[in-house]
Protein backbone atom coordinates (compact mmCIF):
# COMPACT_ATOMS: atom_id res chain seq x y z
CA MET A 1 66.20 71.19 38.46
CA ARG A 2 62.98 72.82 39.69
CA PRO A 3 63.41 75.90 41.89
CA ILE A 4 62.84 75.11 45.55
CA GLU A 5 60.11 77.76 45.82
CA GLU A 6 57.98 75.95 43.21
CA VAL A 7 58.15 72.68 45.11
CA ILE A 8 57.29 74.28 48.45
CA ASP A 9 54.42 76.24 46.88
CA SER A 10 52.97 73.13 45.23
CA ASN A 11 53.27 71.22 48.51
CA SER A 12 51.43 74.02 50.28
CA GLU A 13 48.62 74.16 47.74
CA SER A 14 48.10 70.40 47.81
CA ALA A 15 48.31 70.26 51.57
CA ASP A 16 45.43 72.72 51.86
CA ASP A 17 43.18 70.16 50.18
CA ASP A 18 44.41 67.20 52.20
CA GLU A 19 42.57 66.05 55.27
CA GLN A 20 44.23 66.50 58.60
CA ASP A 21 44.95 63.52 60.79
CA GLU A 22 44.01 63.42 64.46
CA SER A 23 47.36 64.81 65.53
CA GLY A 24 46.91 67.89 63.33
CA GLY A 25 49.68 66.93 60.86
CA ALA A 26 49.10 67.21 57.12
CA GLU A 27 48.79 64.12 54.97
CA PHE A 28 50.84 64.19 51.78
CA SER A 29 50.09 62.59 48.44
CA ASP A 30 52.43 60.03 46.88
CA GLU A 31 53.24 62.52 44.12
CA GLN A 32 54.17 65.22 46.63
CA ILE A 33 56.48 62.81 48.41
CA ARG A 34 58.11 61.59 45.18
CA ARG A 35 58.58 65.13 43.85
CA THR A 36 60.10 66.39 47.08
CA THR A 37 62.37 63.37 47.51
CA ARG A 38 63.71 63.84 43.98
CA LEU A 39 64.46 67.48 44.74
CA ALA A 40 66.32 66.61 47.94
CA ARG A 41 68.16 63.83 46.13
CA ASP A 42 69.36 66.21 43.41
CA HIS A 43 70.69 68.64 46.01
CA GLY A 44 72.51 65.80 47.78
CA PHE A 45 74.16 63.93 44.93
CA ASP A 46 75.31 66.72 42.63
CA GLY A 47 78.52 67.35 44.59
CA PHE A 48 79.93 63.86 44.02
CA ASP A 49 82.02 63.05 40.95
CA SER A 50 84.24 59.99 40.62
CA GLY A 51 86.30 61.58 37.85
CA ARG A 52 85.74 58.56 35.61
CA ALA A 53 85.88 58.89 31.82
CA GLN A 54 82.89 60.41 30.06
CA ASN A 55 82.51 57.27 27.91
CA ALA A 56 82.33 54.92 30.90
CA SER A 57 79.74 52.15 30.67
CA TYR A 58 77.81 53.43 33.70
CA GLU A 59 77.12 56.92 34.98
CA ASP A 60 78.01 57.81 38.56
CA THR A 61 74.32 58.02 39.38
CA GLN A 62 73.89 54.32 38.56
CA PHE A 63 76.47 53.44 41.19
CA PHE A 64 74.71 55.76 43.64
CA GLU A 65 71.44 54.00 42.89
CA LEU A 66 72.99 50.59 43.50
CA GLN A 67 74.61 51.82 46.73
CA THR A 68 71.24 53.12 47.93
CA PHE A 69 69.60 49.81 47.08
CA MET A 70 72.22 47.85 49.03
CA GLY A 71 71.63 49.99 52.10
CA MET A 72 67.87 49.48 51.74
CA VAL A 73 68.02 45.68 51.51
CA GLY A 74 70.95 45.32 53.94
CA CYS A 75 73.27 43.12 51.90
CA GLY A 76 76.83 43.09 50.56
CA THR A 77 78.09 44.23 47.18
CA ALA A 78 77.97 40.97 45.20
CA GLN A 79 74.52 39.94 46.43
CA GLY A 80 73.21 43.50 46.24
CA ALA A 81 74.36 43.94 42.63
CA ALA A 82 72.76 40.62 41.62
CA ARG A 83 69.46 41.50 43.30
CA PHE A 84 69.56 44.97 41.79
CA GLN A 85 70.09 43.59 38.28
CA PHE A 86 67.21 41.17 38.81
CA ARG A 87 64.99 44.10 39.76
CA ARG A 88 66.09 46.65 37.13
CA GLY A 89 67.43 44.43 34.33
CA GLU A 90 70.75 42.67 33.77
CA GLU A 91 72.10 45.41 31.49
CA TYR A 92 71.02 48.29 33.71
CA GLY A 93 73.24 48.09 36.77
CA PRO A 94 76.95 47.33 37.26
CA HIS A 95 78.29 44.04 38.61
CA GLY A 96 79.61 43.96 42.16
CA ASP A 97 83.30 44.07 41.21
CA THR A 98 82.64 46.97 38.83
CA HIS A 99 80.83 48.79 41.61
CA LEU A 100 83.76 48.40 44.01
CA ARG A 101 86.27 49.58 41.39
CA ALA A 102 84.19 52.71 40.78
CA ILE A 103 83.88 53.45 44.50
CA LYS A 104 87.65 53.25 44.92
CA GLN A 105 87.94 56.20 42.53
CA PHE A 106 86.61 58.40 45.35
CA GLU A 107 89.64 59.28 47.47
CA PRO A 108 88.89 60.17 51.12
CA GLU A 109 89.75 63.84 50.58
CA ALA A 110 87.46 64.01 47.55
CA LEU A 111 84.67 62.37 49.54
CA ILE A 112 84.93 64.98 52.29
CA GLU A 113 84.91 67.74 49.67
CA GLY A 114 81.88 66.20 47.94
CA PHE A 115 80.06 65.95 51.25
CA GLU A 116 80.87 69.61 51.93
CA GLN A 117 79.33 70.61 48.59
CA ALA A 118 76.29 68.45 49.33
CA SER A 119 75.85 70.08 52.75
CA ASP A 120 75.99 73.53 51.17
CA ARG A 121 73.41 72.60 48.54
CA LEU A 122 71.09 70.97 51.06
CA LEU A 123 71.18 74.03 53.29
CA SER A 124 70.63 76.33 50.32
CA ALA A 125 67.32 74.54 49.77
CA ILE A 126 66.02 75.77 53.13
CA ALA A 127 67.86 79.10 53.41
CA SER A 128 64.68 81.16 53.18
CA GLU A 129 62.59 79.02 55.53
CA ALA A 130 61.70 80.77 58.79
CA SER A 131 61.35 77.40 60.53
CA PHE A 132 65.08 76.81 60.04
CA ARG A 133 66.52 78.60 63.06
CA ARG A 134 69.85 80.42 63.07
CA PRO A 135 72.30 80.40 64.71
CA VAL A 136 72.36 76.66 65.30
CA THR A 137 73.27 74.44 68.21
CA ALA A 138 75.58 71.67 67.02
CA ALA A 139 76.76 68.43 68.58
CA ILE A 140 79.98 66.53 67.91
CA ASP A 141 80.25 62.81 68.52
CA ILE A 142 82.19 59.75 67.37
CA THR A 143 80.60 56.58 66.05
CA THR A 144 82.19 53.22 65.30
CA ILE A 145 81.80 50.64 62.53
CA PRO A 146 83.02 47.20 63.75
CA TYR A 147 85.82 45.55 61.79
CA TYR A 148 86.48 41.82 62.09
CA GLY A 149 89.21 41.22 59.51
CA ASP A 150 93.00 41.11 59.53
CA ILE A 151 94.40 44.28 61.06
CA GLU A 152 97.68 44.25 59.17
CA GLU A 153 98.06 47.17 56.77
CA MET A 154 94.87 48.73 58.17
CA PRO A 155 96.09 51.99 59.73
CA MET A 156 92.56 53.45 60.00
CA VAL A 157 91.29 50.63 62.22
CA SER A 158 91.22 51.58 65.91
CA GLY A 159 91.34 49.33 68.92
CA MET A 160 88.22 49.11 71.08
CA GLN A 161 87.46 47.94 74.61
CA GLY A 162 87.39 44.18 74.71
CA GLU A 163 89.98 41.67 73.59
CA GLY A 164 90.53 41.67 69.85
CA ALA A 165 87.87 44.33 69.18
CA GLN A 166 88.55 46.78 66.36
CA ALA A 167 86.49 49.35 64.49
CA PHE A 168 86.58 52.24 62.06
CA LYS A 169 85.80 55.54 63.77
CA PHE A 170 84.12 58.60 62.31
CA ALA A 171 83.43 61.95 63.97
CA THR A 172 80.39 63.97 62.91
CA LEU A 173 78.98 67.40 63.61
CA SER A 174 75.18 67.59 63.53
CA ILE A 175 72.53 70.26 63.99
CA VAL A 176 70.49 69.48 67.11
CA GLY A 177 67.75 71.11 69.15
CA GLU A 178 64.53 72.47 67.69
CA ASN A 179 65.85 72.42 64.15
CA ILE A 180 66.23 70.14 61.13
CA PRO A 181 68.69 67.41 62.27
CA LEU A 182 71.26 67.45 59.47
CA VAL A 183 74.84 66.16 59.63
CA LEU A 184 77.00 69.08 58.47
CA ALA A 185 80.48 67.57 58.60
CA VAL A 186 82.20 64.17 58.70
CA GLU A 187 85.78 63.46 59.74
CA PRO A 188 87.56 60.08 59.83
CA ILE A 189 89.39 59.32 63.08
CA ARG A 190 92.95 58.05 62.76
CA GLU A 191 94.09 56.70 66.12
CA SER A 192 97.30 55.19 67.35
CA SER A 193 97.05 51.43 67.82
CA ALA A 194 99.40 48.64 68.79
CA TRP A 195 99.68 47.43 65.19
CA ASP A 196 100.60 50.70 63.47
CA ARG A 197 102.82 53.77 63.78
CA ASN A 198 100.09 56.39 63.81
CA PRO A 199 100.68 59.34 66.14
CA PRO A 200 98.23 59.72 69.04
CA ASN A 201 94.94 61.22 67.93
CA GLN A 202 94.73 64.97 68.45
CA VAL A 203 91.00 65.24 69.10
CA HIS A 204 91.05 69.04 69.27
CA ARG A 205 92.23 69.11 65.65
CA VAL A 206 89.25 66.96 64.67
CA VAL A 207 87.00 69.44 66.49
CA ARG A 208 88.63 72.38 64.71
CA ARG A 209 88.11 70.84 61.27
CA LEU A 210 84.48 69.92 61.96
CA VAL A 211 83.45 73.30 63.38
CA THR A 212 85.37 75.24 60.73
CA ARG A 213 83.54 73.37 57.96
CA ALA A 214 80.16 73.76 59.66
CA LYS A 215 80.64 77.52 60.06
CA GLU A 216 81.11 77.83 56.29
CA HIS A 217 77.46 76.78 55.94
CA VAL A 218 75.64 78.18 59.00
CA PRO A 219 76.39 80.36 62.03
CA VAL A 220 77.16 78.08 64.98
CA GLU A 221 76.33 79.42 68.43
CA THR A 222 76.86 76.47 70.81
CA VAL A 223 78.69 73.15 70.47
CA LEU A 224 77.84 70.14 72.64
CA CYS A 225 80.42 67.35 73.02
CA ASP A 226 80.59 64.20 75.13
CA ARG A 227 83.26 63.29 77.69
CA GLU A 228 85.56 61.92 75.00
CA PHE A 229 86.24 65.59 74.15
CA ASP A 230 86.93 66.67 77.74
CA SER A 231 90.31 68.37 77.40
CA LYS A 232 91.75 71.86 77.74
CA ASN A 233 92.89 71.81 74.11
CA VAL A 234 89.30 71.19 72.97
CA TYR A 235 88.03 73.98 75.24
CA GLN A 236 90.55 76.42 73.81
CA THR A 237 89.97 75.31 70.22
CA LEU A 238 86.24 76.04 70.54
CA SER A 239 86.93 79.35 72.25
CA ASN A 240 89.31 80.32 69.45
CA LEU A 241 86.58 79.48 66.92
CA GLY A 242 84.22 81.93 68.62
CA VAL A 243 81.56 79.42 69.72
CA ASN A 244 80.10 78.55 73.11
CA TYR A 245 80.67 75.05 74.41
CA LEU A 246 79.07 72.70 76.90
CA ILE A 247 81.04 69.53 77.69
CA PRO A 248 80.63 67.09 80.61
CA THR A 249 83.87 66.55 82.50
CA ARG A 250 85.36 63.50 84.14
CA ILE A 251 84.90 63.30 87.91
CA ASN A 252 88.36 63.32 89.49
CA SER A 253 89.53 64.04 93.04
CA THR A 254 89.09 67.81 92.71
CA GLU A 255 85.50 67.44 91.49
CA ARG A 256 84.70 64.86 94.17
CA GLU A 257 85.89 67.22 96.89
CA ALA A 258 83.72 70.02 95.50
CA ILE A 259 80.69 67.71 95.36
CA GLU A 260 81.26 66.62 98.96
CA THR A 261 81.39 70.28 100.02
CA MET A 262 78.12 70.95 98.16
CA GLU A 263 76.43 68.04 99.91
CA ALA A 264 77.66 69.22 103.31
CA ASN A 265 76.28 72.70 102.61
CA GLY A 266 73.00 71.40 101.20
CA GLN A 267 73.70 72.83 97.74
CA ALA A 268 72.19 71.26 94.61
CA VAL A 269 73.96 73.59 92.14
CA ALA A 270 77.36 75.27 92.20
CA VAL A 271 79.48 77.28 89.76
CA GLU A 272 83.28 77.38 89.85
CA SER A 273 85.29 79.88 87.80
CA ALA A 274 88.53 78.77 86.18
CA SER A 275 90.94 79.61 83.37
CA VAL A 276 92.42 77.59 80.53
CA TYR A 277 96.07 78.07 79.56
CA VAL A 278 97.42 76.04 76.63
CA GLU A 279 99.84 76.64 73.78
CA SER A 280 97.10 77.88 71.45
CA GLY A 281 95.80 80.52 73.88
CA SER A 282 93.85 81.07 77.07
CA HIS A 283 90.36 82.03 78.19
CA SER A 284 88.11 82.21 81.24
CA MET A 285 85.59 79.42 81.71
CA GLN A 286 83.41 77.80 84.37
CA PHE A 287 82.62 74.40 85.80
CA LEU A 288 78.91 73.87 86.43
CA TYR A 289 77.88 71.38 89.12
CA VAL A 290 74.25 70.39 88.52
CA PRO A 291 71.96 67.47 89.48
CA SER A 292 72.28 64.52 87.13
CA THR A 293 69.33 64.08 84.77
CA ASN A 294 68.90 60.48 85.96
CA GLY A 295 68.29 61.77 89.47
CA GLU A 296 71.43 60.24 90.93
CA GLY A 297 74.37 62.35 91.98
CA THR A 298 75.93 65.41 90.36
CA THR A 299 77.18 66.03 86.83
CA VAL A 300 79.93 68.53 86.09
CA PHE A 301 79.99 70.52 82.84
CA ALA A 302 82.62 72.83 81.38
CA THR A 303 81.52 75.98 79.53
CA ASN A 304 83.00 79.29 78.39
CA LEU A 305 79.76 81.15 79.14
CA ARG A 306 79.42 83.28 82.26
CA LEU A 307 76.52 81.85 84.25
CA GLY A 308 75.24 82.16 87.78
CA PRO A 309 74.00 79.23 89.90
CA GLU A 310 70.40 80.19 89.14
CA GLU A 311 71.05 79.76 85.38
CA ALA A 312 73.38 76.76 85.39
CA GLU A 313 70.87 73.94 85.68
CA SER A 314 68.53 75.19 82.94
CA PHE A 315 71.47 75.83 80.60
CA CYS A 316 72.84 72.32 81.15
CA ARG A 317 69.49 70.85 80.12
CA ARG A 318 70.53 71.79 76.58
CA TYR A 319 72.88 68.86 76.71
CA SER A 320 69.93 66.46 76.49
CA ARG A 321 69.54 67.58 72.86
CA ARG A 322 72.47 65.31 72.00
CA TRP A 323 70.10 62.32 72.05
CA GLN A 324 69.26 63.29 68.47
CA ILE A 325 72.77 62.27 67.42
CA GLU A 326 72.33 58.76 68.81
CA ASN A 327 69.01 58.40 66.98
CA GLY A 328 70.69 59.69 63.84
CA TYR A 329 73.48 57.12 64.09
CA LYS A 330 70.90 54.36 64.48
CA SER A 331 69.15 55.44 61.27
CA ILE A 332 72.42 55.81 59.39
CA LYS A 333 73.59 52.33 60.34
CA ASN A 334 70.27 50.48 60.21
CA ASP A 335 68.49 52.18 57.30
CA PHE A 336 71.18 53.53 54.99
CA LEU A 337 74.54 51.79 55.52
CA ALA A 338 75.24 48.94 53.09
CA LYS A 339 77.18 45.91 54.31
CA THR A 340 80.74 45.20 53.20
CA SER A 341 83.70 43.10 54.28
CA SER A 342 86.17 45.05 52.15
CA LYS A 343 89.57 45.79 53.66
CA ASP A 344 89.99 48.85 51.46
CA TYR A 345 89.49 51.98 53.52
CA ARG A 346 88.25 53.92 50.49
CA VAL A 347 85.32 51.51 50.30
CA ARG A 348 84.63 51.71 54.02
CA MET A 349 84.66 55.48 54.05
CA PHE A 350 82.52 55.79 50.92
CA TYR A 351 79.89 53.48 52.45
CA PHE A 352 79.69 55.55 55.63
CA VAL A 353 79.72 58.99 53.98
CA PHE A 354 77.11 57.87 51.46
CA ALA A 355 74.89 56.55 54.28
CA VAL A 356 75.14 59.93 56.05
CA LEU A 357 74.24 61.65 52.77
CA LEU A 358 71.12 59.49 52.42
CA TYR A 359 70.17 60.33 56.00
CA ASN A 360 70.45 64.04 55.16
CA ILE A 361 68.34 63.58 52.02
CA TRP A 362 65.67 61.89 54.13
CA ARG A 363 65.68 64.70 56.68
CA LEU A 364 65.60 67.41 54.01
CA THR A 365 62.72 65.65 52.23
CA ASP A 366 60.74 65.55 55.46
CA PHE A 367 61.50 69.22 56.16
CA LEU A 368 60.43 70.36 52.68
CA LEU A 369 57.20 68.38 52.86
CA LYS A 370 56.21 70.19 56.03
CA ALA A 371 57.65 73.61 55.12
CA GLY A 372 54.55 74.67 53.20
CA VAL A 373 52.12 73.58 55.90
CA ASP A 374 50.89 76.22 58.32
CA GLY A 375 51.56 75.71 61.99
CA GLU A 376 54.48 74.91 64.25
CA MET A 377 57.17 72.74 62.67
CA ASP A 378 57.17 69.24 64.16
CA TYR A 379 60.47 67.43 63.65
CA ALA A 380 59.04 63.97 64.14
CA PRO A 381 59.32 62.65 60.55
CA VAL A 382 56.18 62.09 58.51
CA LEU A 383 58.18 60.08 55.99
CA THR A 384 60.02 56.99 57.22
CA ALA A 385 63.63 56.38 56.29
CA GLY A 386 62.64 53.22 54.42
CA GLU A 387 60.04 55.07 52.34
CA CYS A 388 62.54 57.75 51.41
CA VAL A 389 65.23 55.25 50.39
CA GLU A 390 62.78 53.29 48.27
CA ILE A 391 61.83 56.44 46.36
CA VAL A 392 65.49 57.40 45.87
CA VAL A 393 66.43 53.95 44.59
CA SER A 394 63.44 53.72 42.26
CA ALA A 395 63.80 57.15 40.67
CA LEU A 396 67.43 58.21 40.90
CA ILE A 397 67.96 58.40 37.15
CA PRO A 398 65.37 60.50 35.33
CA PRO A 399 63.75 58.80 32.32
CA ASP A 400 65.07 59.73 28.87
């Protein structure tokens, strides 16, 4: 594998000769893009090992290549394998049933461990880059993958709003703000449903696992969560982990009374001190009452930072950085996630984790392309997700 410094230096030298577009961004050659994508790909895939026999007919990387291809063309396993063989040769890629058997060798715990190794390697590729800012602001959210099959013997399927609606749920922790938007940790959500005996989901434990993993890779300063994480146990968990938090709260009778008092007094912003007492500890915190970003009404946030009314509104604007997570989920699902109707949770989880890994490879590729170019780092990608996937799928296995 080429050292990261060589790739960045060669990008910088080539970029000096490239013409600049009207927006001031550098144009990159096809060879620069291919070289950088291969580097990012190597950092992403090396942590995954199915544990299959050394004399197996296909290497793990051939299954990764097929999985990438299926996400690119948006089809299921059988059709994707047939189309892939047509493109690369009948003897090159595995059949659909072979592909599924190989994927089932990746147990959920091993997948999480492999993703952790991949995250560490991806971040090591940019450790010396000044444009990667530390400590980071991170955001935690939950996304769903609809499930339409039989719910019997499917303990990882959660009920959704709407009659008969079910889905798989995954929580992620992502870097947000003026930084490279990488997903640092993934956690499956196991919720209690009418058709199983699962205990109620302890969301604060999910938060603890995500933040603990992320802090093994980068220093985390602030964590943003949505209202689904509005609970005292989550507040205390984040406080125990030594990070700041900013979480919108539900508007109940107490909050409504405070908002009515603010309106009567002509106040746009208010700060209320409070304390959290739970089994795992206690800490002082504040509720911040600030104007809603949509211009209608008041939003209430919980934080463990000490802020005055003059600082509250500007600090709460940080919450808008969470929009990057929603855009990230769209890319993961639309550009990288292959289709499947499998009832096997190992398959479902592999598909999602692999799609997140491809998203990270895309984002790292884009970052490395721009790292050697002088000027302020612009995080609008110069390389589309589709372009990155096509390069990965066409060059995953180096020639002999």
